[in-house]
Amino acid sequence: VSWTIGTSPTTELTNTMLKKAVARFGNEERRIIHSDRGSYYRWSEWIE
């Protein structure tokens, strides 16, 4: 439902993708976000 692309993984890249995905859906939907175990997906801002 969203993606970002860059030459190297960054927190900004992952957070931008997540914010775009959140903006596309209504709050009434059950939403699941899948990620691997990379550090960017365990970062405090991502979790928040």
All heavy atoms as atom14 arrays in JSON, in Angstrom:
{
  "sequence": "VSWTIGTSPTTELTNTMLKKAVARFGNEERRIIHSDRGSYYRWSEWIE",
  "atom14_mask": [
    [1, 1, 1, 1, 1, 1, 1, 0, 0, 0, 0, 0, 0, 0],
    [1, 1, 1, 1, 1, 1, 0, 0, 0, 0, 0, 0, 0, 0],
    [1, 1, 1, 1, 1, 1, 1, 1, 1, 1, 1, 1, 1, 1],
    [1, 1, 1, 1, 1, 1, 1, 0, 0, 0, 0, 0, 0, 0],
    [1, 1, 1, 1, 1, 1, 1, 1, 0, 0, 0, 0, 0, 0],
    [1, 1, 1, 1, 0, 0, 0, 0, 0, 0, 0, 0, 0, 0],
    [1, 1, 1, 1, 1, 1, 1, 0, 0, 0, 0, 0, 0, 0],
    [1, 1, 1, 1, 1, 1, 0, 0, 0, 0, 0, 0, 0, 0],
    [1, 1, 1, 1, 1, 1, 1, 0, 0, 0, 0, 0, 0, 0],
    [1, 1, 1, 1, 1, 1, 1, 0, 0, 0, 0, 0, 0, 0],
    [1, 1, 1, 1, 1, 1, 1, 0, 0, 0, 0, 0, 0, 0],
    [1, 1, 1, 1, 1, 1, 1, 1, 1, 0, 0, 0, 0, 0],
    [1, 1, 1, 1, 1, 1, 1, 1, 0, 0, 0, 0, 0, 0],
    [1, 1, 1, 1, 1, 1, 1, 0, 0, 0, 0, 0, 0, 0],
    [1, 1, 1, 1, 1, 1, 1, 1, 0, 0, 0, 0, 0, 0],
    [1, 1, 1, 1, 1, 1, 1, 0, 0, 0, 0, 0, 0, 0],
    [1, 1, 1, 1, 1, 1, 1, 1, 0, 0, 0, 0, 0, 0],
    [1, 1, 1, 1, 1, 1, 1, 1, 0, 0, 0, 0, 0, 0],
    [1, 1, 1, 1, 1, 1, 1, 1, 1, 0, 0, 0, 0, 0],
    [1, 1, 1, 1, 1, 1, 1, 1, 1, 0, 0, 0, 0, 0],
    [1, 1, 1, 1, 1, 0, 0, 0, 0, 0, 0, 0, 0, 0],
    [1, 1, 1, 1, 1, 1, 1, 0, 0, 0, 0, 0, 0, 0],
    [1, 1, 1, 1, 1, 0, 0, 0, 0, 0, 0, 0, 0, 0],
    [1, 1, 1, 1, 1, 1, 1, 1, 1, 1, 1, 0, 0, 0],
    [1, 1, 1, 1, 1, 1, 1, 1, 1, 1, 1, 0, 0, 0],
    [1, 1, 1, 1, 0, 0, 0, 0, 0, 0, 0, 0, 0, 0],
    [1, 1, 1, 1, 1, 1, 1, 1, 0, 0, 0, 0, 0, 0],
    [1, 1, 1, 1, 1, 1, 1, 1, 1, 0, 0, 0, 0, 0],
    [1, 1, 1, 1, 1, 1, 1, 1, 1, 0, 0, 0, 0, 0],
    [1, 1, 1, 1, 1, 1, 1, 1, 1, 1, 1, 0, 0, 0],
    [1, 1, 1, 1, 1, 1, 1, 1, 1, 1, 1, 0, 0, 0],
    [1, 1, 1, 1, 1, 1, 1, 1, 0, 0, 0, 0, 0, 0],
    [1, 1, 1, 1, 1, 1, 1, 1, 0, 0, 0, 0, 0, 0],
    [1, 1, 1, 1, 1, 1, 1, 1, 1, 1, 0, 0, 0, 0],
    [1, 1, 1, 1, 1, 1, 0, 0, 0, 0, 0, 0, 0, 0],
    [1, 1, 1, 1, 1, 1, 1, 1, 0, 0, 0, 0, 0, 0],
    [1, 1, 1, 1, 1, 1, 1, 1, 1, 1, 1, 0, 0, 0],
    [1, 1, 1, 1, 0, 0, 0, 0, 0, 0, 0, 0, 0, 0],
    [1, 1, 1, 1, 1, 1, 0, 0, 0, 0, 0, 0, 0, 0],
    [1, 1, 1, 1, 1, 1, 1, 1, 1, 1, 1, 1, 0, 0],
    [1, 1, 1, 1, 1, 1, 1, 1, 1, 1, 1, 1, 0, 0],
    [1, 1, 1, 1, 1, 1, 1, 1, 1, 1, 1, 0, 0, 0],
    [1, 1, 1, 1, 1, 1, 1, 1, 1, 1, 1, 1, 1, 1],
    [1, 1, 1, 1, 1, 1, 0, 0, 0, 0, 0, 0, 0, 0],
    [1, 1, 1, 1, 1, 1, 1, 1, 1, 0, 0, 0, 0, 0],
    [1, 1, 1, 1, 1, 1, 1, 1, 1, 1, 1, 1, 1, 1],
    [1, 1, 1, 1, 1, 1, 1, 1, 0, 0, 0, 0, 0, 0],
    [1, 1, 1, 1, 1, 1, 1, 1, 1, 0, 0, 0, 0, 0]
  ],
  "atom14_positions": [
    [[0.82, -1.21, 0.0], [0.0, 0.0, 0.0], [0.85, 1.26, 0.0], [0.34, 2.35, -0.27], [-1.0, 0.03, 1.18], [-2.0, -1.09, 1.04], [-0.29, -0.03, 2.5], [0.0, 0.0, 0.0], [0.0, 0.0, 0.0], [0.0, 0.0, 0.0], [0.0, 0.0, 0.0], [0.0, 0.0, 0.0], [0.0, 0.0, 0.0], [0.0, 0.0, 0.0]],
    [[2.13, 1.13, 0.3], [3.05, 2.25, 0.18], [4.47, 1.71, 0.13], [4.72, 0.57, 0.54], [2.9, 3.24, 1.34], [3.43, 2.71, 2.52], [0.0, 0.0, 0.0], [0.0, 0.0, 0.0], [0.0, 0.0, 0.0], [0.0, 0.0, 0.0], [0.0, 0.0, 0.0], [0.0, 0.0, 0.0], [0.0, 0.0, 0.0], [0.0, 0.0, 0.0]],
    [[5.36, 2.51, -0.36], [6.76, 2.12, -0.42], [7.6, 3.37, -0.6], [7.12, 4.42, -1.02], [7.05, 1.14, -1.55], [6.8, 1.71, -2.91], [7.7, 2.32, -3.74], [5.55, 1.75, -3.59], [7.09, 2.74, -4.89], [5.75, 2.41, -4.82], [4.28, 1.31, -3.28], [4.74, 2.62, -5.73], [3.27, 1.54, -4.19], [3.51, 2.17, -5.4]],
    [[8.84, 3.23, -0.23], [9.85, 4.25, -0.48], [11.06, 3.53, -1.03], [11.22, 2.33, -0.84], [10.22, 5.02, 0.81], [10.58, 4.09, 1.82], [9.06, 5.89, 1.28], [0.0, 0.0, 0.0], [0.0, 0.0, 0.0], [0.0, 0.0, 0.0], [0.0, 0.0, 0.0], [0.0, 0.0, 0.0], [0.0, 0.0, 0.0], [0.0, 0.0, 0.0]],
    [[11.89, 4.27, -1.69], [13.08, 3.67, -2.29], [14.24, 4.64, -2.14], [14.06, 5.85, -2.22], [12.83, 3.31, -3.78], [14.02, 2.55, -4.35], [12.48, 4.52, -4.59], [13.76, 1.98, -5.73], [0.0, 0.0, 0.0], [0.0, 0.0, 0.0], [0.0, 0.0, 0.0], [0.0, 0.0, 0.0], [0.0, 0.0, 0.0], [0.0, 0.0, 0.0]],
    [[15.4, 4.1, -1.88], [16.6, 4.91, -1.74], [17.82, 4.05, -1.97], [17.71, 2.85, -2.21], [0.0, 0.0, 0.0], [0.0, 0.0, 0.0], [0.0, 0.0, 0.0], [0.0, 0.0, 0.0], [0.0, 0.0, 0.0], [0.0, 0.0, 0.0], [0.0, 0.0, 0.0], [0.0, 0.0, 0.0], [0.0, 0.0, 0.0], [0.0, 0.0, 0.0]],
    [[18.98, 4.66, -1.88], [20.22, 3.92, -2.14], [20.74, 3.2, -0.9], [21.61, 2.36, -0.99], [21.31, 4.87, -2.68], [21.48, 5.94, -1.75], [20.92, 5.4, -4.04], [0.0, 0.0, 0.0], [0.0, 0.0, 0.0], [0.0, 0.0, 0.0], [0.0, 0.0, 0.0], [0.0, 0.0, 0.0], [0.0, 0.0, 0.0], [0.0, 0.0, 0.0]],
    [[20.2, 3.54, 0.28], [20.56, 2.83, 1.5], [19.41, 2.95, 2.49], [18.66, 3.92, 2.46], [21.85, 3.38, 2.11], [21.68, 4.74, 2.46], [0.0, 0.0, 0.0], [0.0, 0.0, 0.0], [0.0, 0.0, 0.0], [0.0, 0.0, 0.0], [0.0, 0.0, 0.0], [0.0, 0.0, 0.0], [0.0, 0.0, 0.0], [0.0, 0.0, 0.0]],
    [[19.26, 1.96, 3.37], [18.15, 2.01, 4.33], [18.4, 3.1, 5.38], [19.51, 3.24, 5.88], [18.16, 0.62, 4.96], [19.54, 0.12, 4.77], [20.06, 0.76, 3.51], [0.0, 0.0, 0.0], [0.0, 0.0, 0.0], [0.0, 0.0, 0.0], [0.0, 0.0, 0.0], [0.0, 0.0, 0.0], [0.0, 0.0, 0.0], [0.0, 0.0, 0.0]],
    [[17.36, 3.86, 5.67], [17.45, 4.9, 6.7], [16.15, 4.92, 7.49], [15.11, 4.44, 7.03], [17.66, 6.3, 6.09], [16.49, 6.64, 5.32], [18.9, 6.38, 5.21], [0.0, 0.0, 0.0], [0.0, 0.0, 0.0], [0.0, 0.0, 0.0], [0.0, 0.0, 0.0], [0.0, 0.0, 0.0], [0.0, 0.0, 0.0], [0.0, 0.0, 0.0]],
    [[16.2, 5.51, 8.67], [15.01, 5.68, 9.47], [13.99, 6.54, 8.73], [12.79, 6.26, 8.76], [15.38, 6.33, 10.82], [16.39, 5.56, 11.44], [14.18, 6.43, 11.73], [0.0, 0.0, 0.0], [0.0, 0.0, 0.0], [0.0, 0.0, 0.0], [0.0, 0.0, 0.0], [0.0, 0.0, 0.0], [0.0, 0.0, 0.0], [0.0, 0.0, 0.0]],
    [[14.45, 7.59, 8.08], [13.55, 8.47, 7.32], [12.8, 7.68, 6.24], [11.6, 7.87, 6.03], [14.32, 9.63, 6.69], [13.44, 10.57, 5.89], [14.22, 11.67, 5.2], [15.44, 11.81, 5.42], [13.59, 12.42, 4.42], [0.0, 0.0, 0.0], [0.0, 0.0, 0.0], [0.0, 0.0, 0.0], [0.0, 0.0, 0.0], [0.0, 0.0, 0.0]],
    [[13.5, 6.81, 5.55], [12.89, 6.01, 4.49], [11.77, 5.13, 5.04], [10.66, 5.11, 4.51], [13.98, 5.15, 3.85], [13.81, 4.67, 2.42], [13.75, 5.84, 1.45], [14.97, 3.76, 2.05], [0.0, 0.0, 0.0], [0.0, 0.0, 0.0], [0.0, 0.0, 0.0], [0.0, 0.0, 0.0], [0.0, 0.0, 0.0], [0.0, 0.0, 0.0]],
    [[12.06, 4.42, 6.12], [11.05, 3.51, 6.68], [9.89, 4.27, 7.32], [8.73, 3.89, 7.17], [11.67, 2.54, 7.69], [12.33, 3.28, 8.71], [12.64, 1.6, 7.01], [0.0, 0.0, 0.0], [0.0, 0.0, 0.0], [0.0, 0.0, 0.0], [0.0, 0.0, 0.0], [0.0, 0.0, 0.0], [0.0, 0.0, 0.0], [0.0, 0.0, 0.0]],
    [[10.18, 5.36, 8.02], [9.11, 6.13, 8.66], [8.21, 6.81, 7.62], [7.0, 6.87, 7.8], [9.68, 7.17, 9.6], [10.27, 6.56, 10.86], [10.04, 5.4, 11.16], [11.03, 7.35, 11.6], [0.0, 0.0, 0.0], [0.0, 0.0, 0.0], [0.0, 0.0, 0.0], [0.0, 0.0, 0.0], [0.0, 0.0, 0.0], [0.0, 0.0, 0.0]],
    [[8.78, 7.31, 6.54], [8.0, 7.93, 5.48], [7.05, 6.92, 4.86], [5.87, 7.2, 4.65], [8.92, 8.53, 4.4], [9.75, 9.52, 5.0], [8.13, 9.14, 3.26], [0.0, 0.0, 0.0], [0.0, 0.0, 0.0], [0.0, 0.0, 0.0], [0.0, 0.0, 0.0], [0.0, 0.0, 0.0], [0.0, 0.0, 0.0], [0.0, 0.0, 0.0]],
    [[7.55, 5.71, 4.59], [6.71, 4.66, 4.02], [5.56, 4.32, 4.96], [4.41, 4.2, 4.56], [7.57, 3.42, 3.74], [6.82, 2.23, 3.15], [6.01, 1.13, 4.34], [7.3, 0.77, 5.48], [0.0, 0.0, 0.0], [0.0, 0.0, 0.0], [0.0, 0.0, 0.0], [0.0, 0.0, 0.0], [0.0, 0.0, 0.0], [0.0, 0.0, 0.0]],
    [[5.86, 4.19, 6.25], [4.83, 3.84, 7.22], [3.77, 4.94, 7.34], [2.57, 4.65, 7.35], [5.47, 3.58, 8.59], [4.53, 3.17, 9.7], [3.75, 1.91, 9.34], [5.3, 2.98, 11.0], [0.0, 0.0, 0.0], [0.0, 0.0, 0.0], [0.0, 0.0, 0.0], [0.0, 0.0, 0.0], [0.0, 0.0, 0.0], [0.0, 0.0, 0.0]],
    [[4.19, 6.17, 7.38], [3.23, 7.29, 7.47], [2.33, 7.36, 6.23], [1.14, 7.63, 6.35], [3.98, 8.61, 7.68], [4.6, 8.72, 9.05], [5.46, 9.97, 9.17], [6.16, 10.03, 10.51], [7.07, 11.19, 10.61], [0.0, 0.0, 0.0], [0.0, 0.0, 0.0], [0.0, 0.0, 0.0], [0.0, 0.0, 0.0], [0.0, 0.0, 0.0]],
    [[2.9, 7.09, 5.05], [2.09, 7.06, 3.83], [1.06, 5.94, 3.89], [-0.1, 6.12, 3.51], [2.99, 6.87, 2.6], [3.74, 8.12, 2.18], [4.78, 7.87, 1.1], [4.32, 7.11, -0.1], [5.35, 6.95, -1.13], [0.0, 0.0, 0.0], [0.0, 0.0, 0.0], [0.0, 0.0, 0.0], [0.0, 0.0, 0.0], [0.0, 0.0, 0.0]],
    [[1.46, 4.78, 4.38], [0.54, 3.64, 4.49], [-0.59, 3.95, 5.46], [-1.76, 3.69, 5.16], [1.3, 2.4, 4.94], [0.0, 0.0, 0.0], [0.0, 0.0, 0.0], [0.0, 0.0, 0.0], [0.0, 0.0, 0.0], [0.0, 0.0, 0.0], [0.0, 0.0, 0.0], [0.0, 0.0, 0.0], [0.0, 0.0, 0.0], [0.0, 0.0, 0.0]],
    [[-0.27, 4.53, 6.59], [-1.28, 4.87, 7.6], [-2.3, 5.85, 7.03], [-3.5, 5.72, 7.25], [-0.61, 5.43, 8.87], [-1.63, 6.08, 9.79], [0.16, 4.33, 9.6], [0.0, 0.0, 0.0], [0.0, 0.0, 0.0], [0.0, 0.0, 0.0], [0.0, 0.0, 0.0], [0.0, 0.0, 0.0], [0.0, 0.0, 0.0], [0.0, 0.0, 0.0]],
    [[-1.82, 6.82, 6.26], [-2.7, 7.85, 5.7], [-3.68, 7.29, 4.67], [-4.71, 7.91, 4.41], [-1.86, 8.96, 5.08], [0.0, 0.0, 0.0], [0.0, 0.0, 0.0], [0.0, 0.0, 0.0], [0.0, 0.0, 0.0], [0.0, 0.0, 0.0], [0.0, 0.0, 0.0], [0.0, 0.0, 0.0], [0.0, 0.0, 0.0], [0.0, 0.0, 0.0]],
    [[-3.41, 6.15, 4.1], [-4.25, 5.59, 3.04], [-5.45, 4.8, 3.55], [-6.34, 4.48, 2.79], [-3.41, 4.72, 2.12], [-2.48, 5.56, 1.29], [-1.81, 4.75, 0.23], [-1.17, 5.67, -0.69], [-0.13, 5.35, -1.44], [0.36, 4.15, -1.39], [0.4, 6.24, -2.24], [0.0, 0.0, 0.0], [0.0, 0.0, 0.0], [0.0, 0.0, 0.0]],
    [[-5.47, 4.46, 4.81], [-6.54, 3.63, 5.34], [-7.34, 4.37, 6.39], [-6.82, 5.21, 7.1], [-5.97, 2.36, 5.99], [-5.48, 1.36, 5.01], [-4.15, 1.3, 4.67], [-6.36, 0.48, 4.41], [-3.69, 0.37, 3.76], [-5.92, -0.45, 3.5], [-4.59, -0.51, 3.17], [0.0, 0.0, 0.0], [0.0, 0.0, 0.0], [0.0, 0.0, 0.0]],
    [[-8.6, 3.99, 6.53], [-9.45, 4.52, 7.59], [-9.13, 3.84, 8.91], [-8.62, 2.73, 8.95], [0.0, 0.0, 0.0], [0.0, 0.0, 0.0], [0.0, 0.0, 0.0], [0.0, 0.0, 0.0], [0.0, 0.0, 0.0], [0.0, 0.0, 0.0], [0.0, 0.0, 0.0], [0.0, 0.0, 0.0], [0.0, 0.0, 0.0], [0.0, 0.0, 0.0]],
    [[-9.43, 4.5, 9.99], [-9.13, 3.96, 11.32], [-9.98, 2.75, 11.69], [-9.64, 2.01, 12.6], [-9.29, 5.05, 12.38], [-8.19, 6.07, 12.3], [-7.09, 5.78, 11.84], [-8.47, 7.28, 12.73], [0.0, 0.0, 0.0], [0.0, 0.0, 0.0], [0.0, 0.0, 0.0], [0.0, 0.0, 0.0], [0.0, 0.0, 0.0], [0.0, 0.0, 0.0]],
    [[-11.1, 2.57, 11.01], [-11.99, 1.45, 11.36], [-11.49, 0.12, 10.83], [-11.98, -0.93, 11.2], [-13.42, 1.72, 10.84], [-13.55, 1.68, 9.33], [-13.07, 2.95, 8.62], [-12.72, 3.93, 9.29], [-13.03, 2.94, 7.37], [0.0, 0.0, 0.0], [0.0, 0.0, 0.0], [0.0, 0.0, 0.0], [0.0, 0.0, 0.0], [0.0, 0.0, 0.0]],
    [[-10.5, 0.13, 9.96], [-9.99, -1.11, 9.39], [-8.96, -1.76, 10.3], [-8.21, -1.08, 10.97], [-9.36, -0.83, 8.03], [-10.36, -0.3, 7.02], [-9.7, 0.04, 5.71], [-9.23, -0.9, 5.06], [-9.66, 1.21, 5.36], [0.0, 0.0, 0.0], [0.0, 0.0, 0.0], [0.0, 0.0, 0.0], [0.0, 0.0, 0.0], [0.0, 0.0, 0.0]],
    [[-8.94, -3.06, 10.31], [-7.92, -3.81, 11.04], [-6.68, -3.85, 10.16], [-6.7, -4.44, 9.09], [-8.41, -5.23, 11.32], [-7.41, -6.03, 12.08], [-8.02, -7.36, 12.53], [-7.02, -8.1, 13.25], [-6.39, -9.15, 12.75], [-6.65, -9.58, 11.55], [-5.48, -9.78, 13.48], [0.0, 0.0, 0.0], [0.0, 0.0, 0.0], [0.0, 0.0, 0.0]],
    [[-5.63, -3.2, 10.62], [-4.43, -3.09, 9.8], [-3.26, -3.8, 10.45], [-3.0, -3.62, 11.62], [-4.1, -1.62, 9.57], [-5.24, -0.9, 8.86], [-5.11, 0.56, 8.91], [-5.18, 1.02, 10.29], [-4.97, 2.26, 10.67], [-4.68, 3.17, 9.8], [-5.05, 2.61, 11.94], [0.0, 0.0, 0.0], [0.0, 0.0, 0.0], [0.0, 0.0, 0.0]],
    [[-2.57, -4.59, 9.63], [-1.39, -5.31, 10.09], [-0.21, -4.83, 9.25], [-0.3, -4.75, 8.03], [-1.57, -6.83, 9.91], [-2.75, -7.31, 10.74], [-0.29, -7.57, 10.31], [-3.12, -8.76, 10.49], [0.0, 0.0, 0.0], [0.0, 0.0, 0.0], [0.0, 0.0, 0.0], [0.0, 0.0, 0.0], [0.0, 0.0, 0.0], [0.0, 0.0, 0.0]],
    [[0.88, -4.52, 9.92], [2.1, -4.1, 9.24], [3.14, -5.2, 9.44], [3.4, -5.62, 10.56], [2.62, -2.73, 9.75], [3.89, -2.3, 9.02], [2.87, -2.72, 11.23], [3.66, -1.59, 7.76], [0.0, 0.0, 0.0], [0.0, 0.0, 0.0], [0.0, 0.0, 0.0], [0.0, 0.0, 0.0], [0.0, 0.0, 0.0], [0.0, 0.0, 0.0]],
    [[3.65, -5.72, 8.33], [4.67, -6.76, 8.43], [6.04, -6.15, 8.13], [6.19, -5.35, 7.21], [4.4, -7.9, 7.46], [5.48, -8.92, 7.52], [5.53, -9.86, 8.52], [6.58, -9.1, 6.78], [6.62, -10.58, 8.37], [7.27, -10.15, 7.32], [0.0, 0.0, 0.0], [0.0, 0.0, 0.0], [0.0, 0.0, 0.0], [0.0, 0.0, 0.0]],
    [[7.01, -6.53, 8.91], [8.39, -6.11, 8.65], [9.32, -7.25, 9.04], [8.93, -8.2, 9.72], [8.73, -4.86, 9.46], [8.79, -5.17, 10.85], [0.0, 0.0, 0.0], [0.0, 0.0, 0.0], [0.0, 0.0, 0.0], [0.0, 0.0, 0.0], [0.0, 0.0, 0.0], [0.0, 0.0, 0.0], [0.0, 0.0, 0.0], [0.0, 0.0, 0.0]],
    [[10.55, -7.12, 8.59], [11.54, -8.09, 9.04], [12.06, -7.62, 10.4], [11.49, -6.71, 11.01], [12.65, -8.27, 8.01], [13.45, -7.0, 7.74], [13.39, -6.05, 8.55], [14.15, -6.96, 6.72], [0.0, 0.0, 0.0], [0.0, 0.0, 0.0], [0.0, 0.0, 0.0], [0.0, 0.0, 0.0], [0.0, 0.0, 0.0], [0.0, 0.0, 0.0]],
    [[13.13, -8.19, 10.86], [13.63, -7.87, 12.2], [14.69, -6.77, 12.16], [15.46, -6.6, 13.1], [14.18, -9.13, 12.85], [13.1, -10.19, 13.02], [13.61, -11.47, 13.61], [14.14, -11.29, 14.95], [13.42, -11.23, 16.05], [12.1, -11.3, 15.97], [13.98, -11.1, 17.23], [0.0, 0.0, 0.0], [0.0, 0.0, 0.0], [0.0, 0.0, 0.0]],
    [[14.73, -6.0, 11.07], [15.72, -4.94, 10.94], [15.58, -3.87, 12.02], [14.5, -3.64, 12.56], [0.0, 0.0, 0.0], [0.0, 0.0, 0.0], [0.0, 0.0, 0.0], [0.0, 0.0, 0.0], [0.0, 0.0, 0.0], [0.0, 0.0, 0.0], [0.0, 0.0, 0.0], [0.0, 0.0, 0.0], [0.0, 0.0, 0.0], [0.0, 0.0, 0.0]],
    [[16.69, -3.22, 12.32], [16.71, -2.24, 13.41], [15.76, -1.07, 13.16], [15.21, -0.5, 14.1], [18.13, -1.72, 13.62], [18.6, -1.07, 12.45], [0.0, 0.0, 0.0], [0.0, 0.0, 0.0], [0.0, 0.0, 0.0], [0.0, 0.0, 0.0], [0.0, 0.0, 0.0], [0.0, 0.0, 0.0], [0.0, 0.0, 0.0], [0.0, 0.0, 0.0]],
    [[15.51, -0.71, 11.91], [14.64, 0.42, 11.61], [13.2, 0.15, 12.02], [12.43, 1.06, 12.28], [14.69, 0.77, 10.12], [16.08, 1.16, 9.69], [16.88, 0.28, 8.98], [16.61, 2.39, 10.05], [18.17, 0.62, 8.61], [17.9, 2.75, 9.69], [18.67, 1.86, 8.98], [19.94, 2.2, 8.63], [0.0, 0.0, 0.0], [0.0, 0.0, 0.0]],
    [[12.82, -1.12, 12.08], [11.47, -1.5, 12.44], [11.32, -1.75, 13.93], [10.25, -2.08, 14.41], [11.03, -2.74, 11.64], [11.26, -2.56, 10.17], [12.2, -3.32, 9.49], [10.55, -1.58, 9.47], [12.42, -3.13, 8.13], [10.77, -1.39, 8.12], [11.7, -2.15, 7.47], [11.92, -1.96, 6.13], [0.0, 0.0, 0.0], [0.0, 0.0, 0.0]],
    [[12.4, -1.61, 14.66], [12.36, -1.73, 16.12], [12.73, -0.41, 16.77], [12.82, -0.31, 17.99], [13.32, -2.85, 16.57], [12.83, -4.22, 16.12], [13.75, -5.34, 16.56], [14.93, -5.36, 15.69], [16.18, -5.53, 16.11], [16.43, -5.69, 17.38], [17.17, -5.54, 15.26], [0.0, 0.0, 0.0], [0.0, 0.0, 0.0], [0.0, 0.0, 0.0]],
    [[12.93, 0.61, 15.97], [13.3, 1.94, 16.44], [12.11, 2.58, 17.15], [10.96, 2.36, 16.78], [13.73, 2.77, 15.24], [14.53, 3.97, 15.58], [14.1, 5.26, 15.56], [15.89, 4.03, 15.97], [15.11, 6.1, 15.91], [16.23, 5.36, 16.18], [16.87, 3.05, 16.19], [17.5, 5.78, 16.59], [18.13, 3.46, 16.58], [18.43, 4.81, 16.78]],
    [[12.35, 3.37, 18.16], [11.28, 3.94, 18.98], [10.28, 4.76, 18.18], [9.07, 4.68, 18.43], [11.87, 4.78, 20.11], [12.65, 5.84, 19.59], [0.0, 0.0, 0.0], [0.0, 0.0, 0.0], [0.0, 0.0, 0.0], [0.0, 0.0, 0.0], [0.0, 0.0, 0.0], [0.0, 0.0, 0.0], [0.0, 0.0, 0.0], [0.0, 0.0, 0.0]],
    [[10.74, 5.53, 17.2], [9.81, 6.34, 16.41], [8.87, 5.46, 15.57], [7.68, 5.71, 15.48], [10.56, 7.3, 15.49], [9.64, 8.28, 14.79], [10.39, 9.29, 13.94], [11.63, 9.28, 13.91], [9.71, 10.1, 13.28], [0.0, 0.0, 0.0], [0.0, 0.0, 0.0], [0.0, 0.0, 0.0], [0.0, 0.0, 0.0], [0.0, 0.0, 0.0]],
    [[9.4, 4.39, 14.98], [8.59, 3.44, 14.21], [7.51, 2.82, 15.1], [6.34, 2.78, 14.75], [9.49, 2.35, 13.62], [8.76, 1.22, 12.95], [8.28, 0.1, 13.55], [8.42, 1.11, 11.57], [7.67, -0.72, 12.62], [7.75, -0.11, 11.4], [8.63, 1.91, 10.46], [7.28, -0.55, 10.17], [8.17, 1.47, 9.23], [7.51, 0.26, 9.09]],
    [[7.93, 2.38, 16.27], [6.98, 1.77, 17.21], [5.92, 2.78, 17.63], [4.74, 2.45, 17.71], [7.73, 1.17, 18.42], [8.59, -0.01, 17.94], [6.77, 0.74, 19.51], [9.57, -0.52, 18.97], [0.0, 0.0, 0.0], [0.0, 0.0, 0.0], [0.0, 0.0, 0.0], [0.0, 0.0, 0.0], [0.0, 0.0, 0.0], [0.0, 0.0, 0.0]],
    [[6.3, 4.0, 17.87], [5.34, 5.06, 18.26], [4.32, 5.31, 17.15], [3.13, 5.45, 17.42], [6.09, 6.35, 18.62], [5.2, 7.42, 19.18], [4.55, 7.03, 20.5], [5.12, 6.24, 21.26], [3.43, 7.53, 20.76], [0.0, 0.0, 0.0], [0.0, 0.0, 0.0], [0.0, 0.0, 0.0], [0.0, 0.0, 0.0], [0.0, 0.0, 0.0]]
  ]
}
